[in-house]
C-alpha atoms as a PDB file:
ATOM      1  CA  MET A   1       0.000   0.000   0.000  1.00  0.00           C
ATOM      2  CA  HIS A   2       1.265   3.463  -0.912  1.00  0.00           C
ATOM      3  CA  PRO A   3       1.183   6.256   1.648  1.00  0.00           C
ATOM      4  CA  LEU A   4      -1.737   8.649   1.319  1.00  0.00           C
ATOM      5  CA  LEU A   5      -1.088  12.215   0.191  1.00  0.00           C
ATOM      6  CA  THR A   6      -2.302  15.243   2.091  1.00  0.00           C
ATOM      7  CA  GLN A   7      -4.126  17.971   0.204  1.00  0.00           C
ATOM      8  CA  ARG A   8      -0.936  20.011   0.190  1.00  0.00           C
ATOM      9  CA  GLN A   9       1.138  17.127  -1.197  1.00  0.00           C
ATOM     10  CA  ALA A  10      -1.431  16.335  -3.897  1.00  0.00           C
ATOM     11  CA  ALA A  11      -1.654  20.010  -4.877  1.00  0.00           C
ATOM     12  CA  GLU A  12       2.131  20.252  -5.128  1.00  0.00           C
ATOM     13  CA  LEU A  13       2.273  17.074  -7.212  1.00  0.00           C
ATOM     14  CA  LEU A  14      -0.316  18.539  -9.611  1.00  0.00           C
ATOM     15  CA  CYS A  15       1.239  22.042  -9.585  1.00  0.00           C
ATOM     16  CA  LEU A  16      -2.054  23.481  -8.319  1.00  0.00           C
ATOM     17  CA  SER A  17      -2.834  25.628  -5.334  1.00  0.00           C
ATOM     18  CA  GLU A  18      -4.498  23.897  -2.412  1.00  0.00           C
ATOM     19  CA  ARG A  19      -7.504  26.153  -2.941  1.00  0.00           C
ATOM     20  CA  THR A  20      -7.883  25.043  -6.564  1.00  0.00           C
ATOM     21  CA  LEU A  21      -7.647  21.381  -5.587  1.00  0.00           C
ATOM     22  CA  GLU A  22     -10.231  21.971  -2.864  1.00  0.00           C
ATOM     23  CA  ARG A  23     -12.524  23.736  -5.334  1.00  0.00           C
ATOM     24  CA  VAL A  24     -12.443  20.922  -7.906  1.00  0.00           C
ATOM     25  CA  ARG A  25     -13.057  18.406  -5.113  1.00  0.00           C
ATOM     26  CA  VAL A  26     -16.105  20.311  -3.861  1.00  0.00           C
ATOM     27  CA  LEU A  27     -17.450  20.671  -7.406  1.00  0.00           C
ATOM     28  CA  GLY A  28     -17.025  16.918  -7.911  1.00  0.00           C
ATOM     29  CA  PHE A  29     -14.583  16.813 -10.802  1.00  0.00           C
ATOM     30  CA  GLY A  30     -11.246  16.494  -9.025  1.00  0.00           C
ATOM     31  CA  PRO A  31      -9.302  13.351  -8.235  1.00  0.00           C
ATOM     32  CA  LYS A  32     -10.977  10.708  -6.075  1.00  0.00           C
ATOM     33  CA  PHE A  33     -10.166  11.173  -2.419  1.00  0.00           C
ATOM     34  CA  VAL A  34     -10.387   9.384   0.906  1.00  0.00           C
ATOM     35  CA  ARG A  35     -12.164  10.959   3.847  1.00  0.00           C
ATOM     36  CA  LEU A  36     -10.701   9.989   7.212  1.00  0.00           C
ATOM     37  CA  ALA A  37     -12.793  11.621   9.908  1.00  0.00           C
ATOM     38  CA  LYS A  38     -12.330  15.347   9.107  1.00  0.00           C
ATOM     39  CA  SER A  39      -9.208  14.806   6.992  1.00  0.00           C
ATOM     40  CA  VAL A  40      -9.015  14.453   3.227  1.00  0.00           C
ATOM     41  CA  ARG A  41      -6.301  12.272   1.711  1.00  0.00           C
ATOM     42  CA  TYR A  42      -5.469  11.255  -1.827  1.00  0.00           C
ATOM     43  CA  ARG A  43      -4.171   7.921  -3.102  1.00  0.00           C
ATOM     44  CA  PRO A  44      -1.273   8.518  -5.515  1.00  0.00           C
ATOM     45  CA  GLY A  45      -2.860   6.229  -8.115  1.00  0.00           C
ATOM     46  CA  ASP A  46      -6.095   8.231  -8.060  1.00  0.00           C
ATOM     47  CA  VAL A  47      -4.200  11.485  -8.551  1.00  0.00           C
ATOM     48  CA  GLU A  48      -2.272   9.977 -11.473  1.00  0.00           C
ATOM     49  CA  ALA A  49      -5.468   8.551 -13.037  1.00  0.00           C
ATOM     50  CA  TRP A  50      -7.234  11.918 -12.760  1.00  0.00           C
ATOM     51  CA  LEU A  51      -4.279  13.677 -14.338  1.00  0.00           C
ATOM     52  CA  ALA A  52      -4.205  11.140 -17.194  1.00  0.00           C
ATOM     53  CA  SER A  53      -7.922  11.728 -17.774  1.00  0.00           C
ATOM     54  CA  ARG A  54      -7.238  15.442 -18.299  1.00  0.00           C
ATOM     55  CA  VAL A  55      -4.864  14.955 -21.275  1.00  0.00           C
ATOM     56  CA  VAL A  56      -6.135  16.622 -24.456  1.00  0.00           C
ATOM     57  CA  SER A  57      -4.735  17.130 -27.979  1.00  0.00           C
ATOM     58  CA  SER A  58      -5.776  20.737 -28.516  1.00  0.00           C
ATOM     59  CA  THR A  59      -7.472  23.626 -26.757  1.00  0.00           C
ATOM     60  CA  SER A  60     -10.690  22.870 -28.630  1.00  0.00           C
ATOM     61  CA  ASP A  61     -10.795  19.309 -27.242  1.00  0.00           C
ATOM     62  CA  LYS A  62     -13.265  19.473 -24.350  1.00  0.00           C
ATOM     63  CA  GLY A  63     -12.734  15.867 -23.257  1.00  0.00           C
ATOM     64  CA  GLY A  64     -10.556  16.800 -20.270  1.00  0.00           C
ATOM     65  CA  ASN A  65     -12.676  19.718 -19.077  1.00  0.00           C
ATOM     66  CA  GLN A  66     -15.493  17.805 -17.416  1.00  0.00           C
END
């Protein structure tokens, strides 16, 4: 089992601010996460899968924007 990432670690890995990562989580289109009591953690594989799902070929490709 891989160690879980904190919100800060996941945001750094994705080159996003913590606030942006929090926003996409609340809106329901960010990486899957684990809720442990009041804490939010991310599995590295889920972060990588979410990032892979965002890959597009051009700016007109809307596949990664949902």
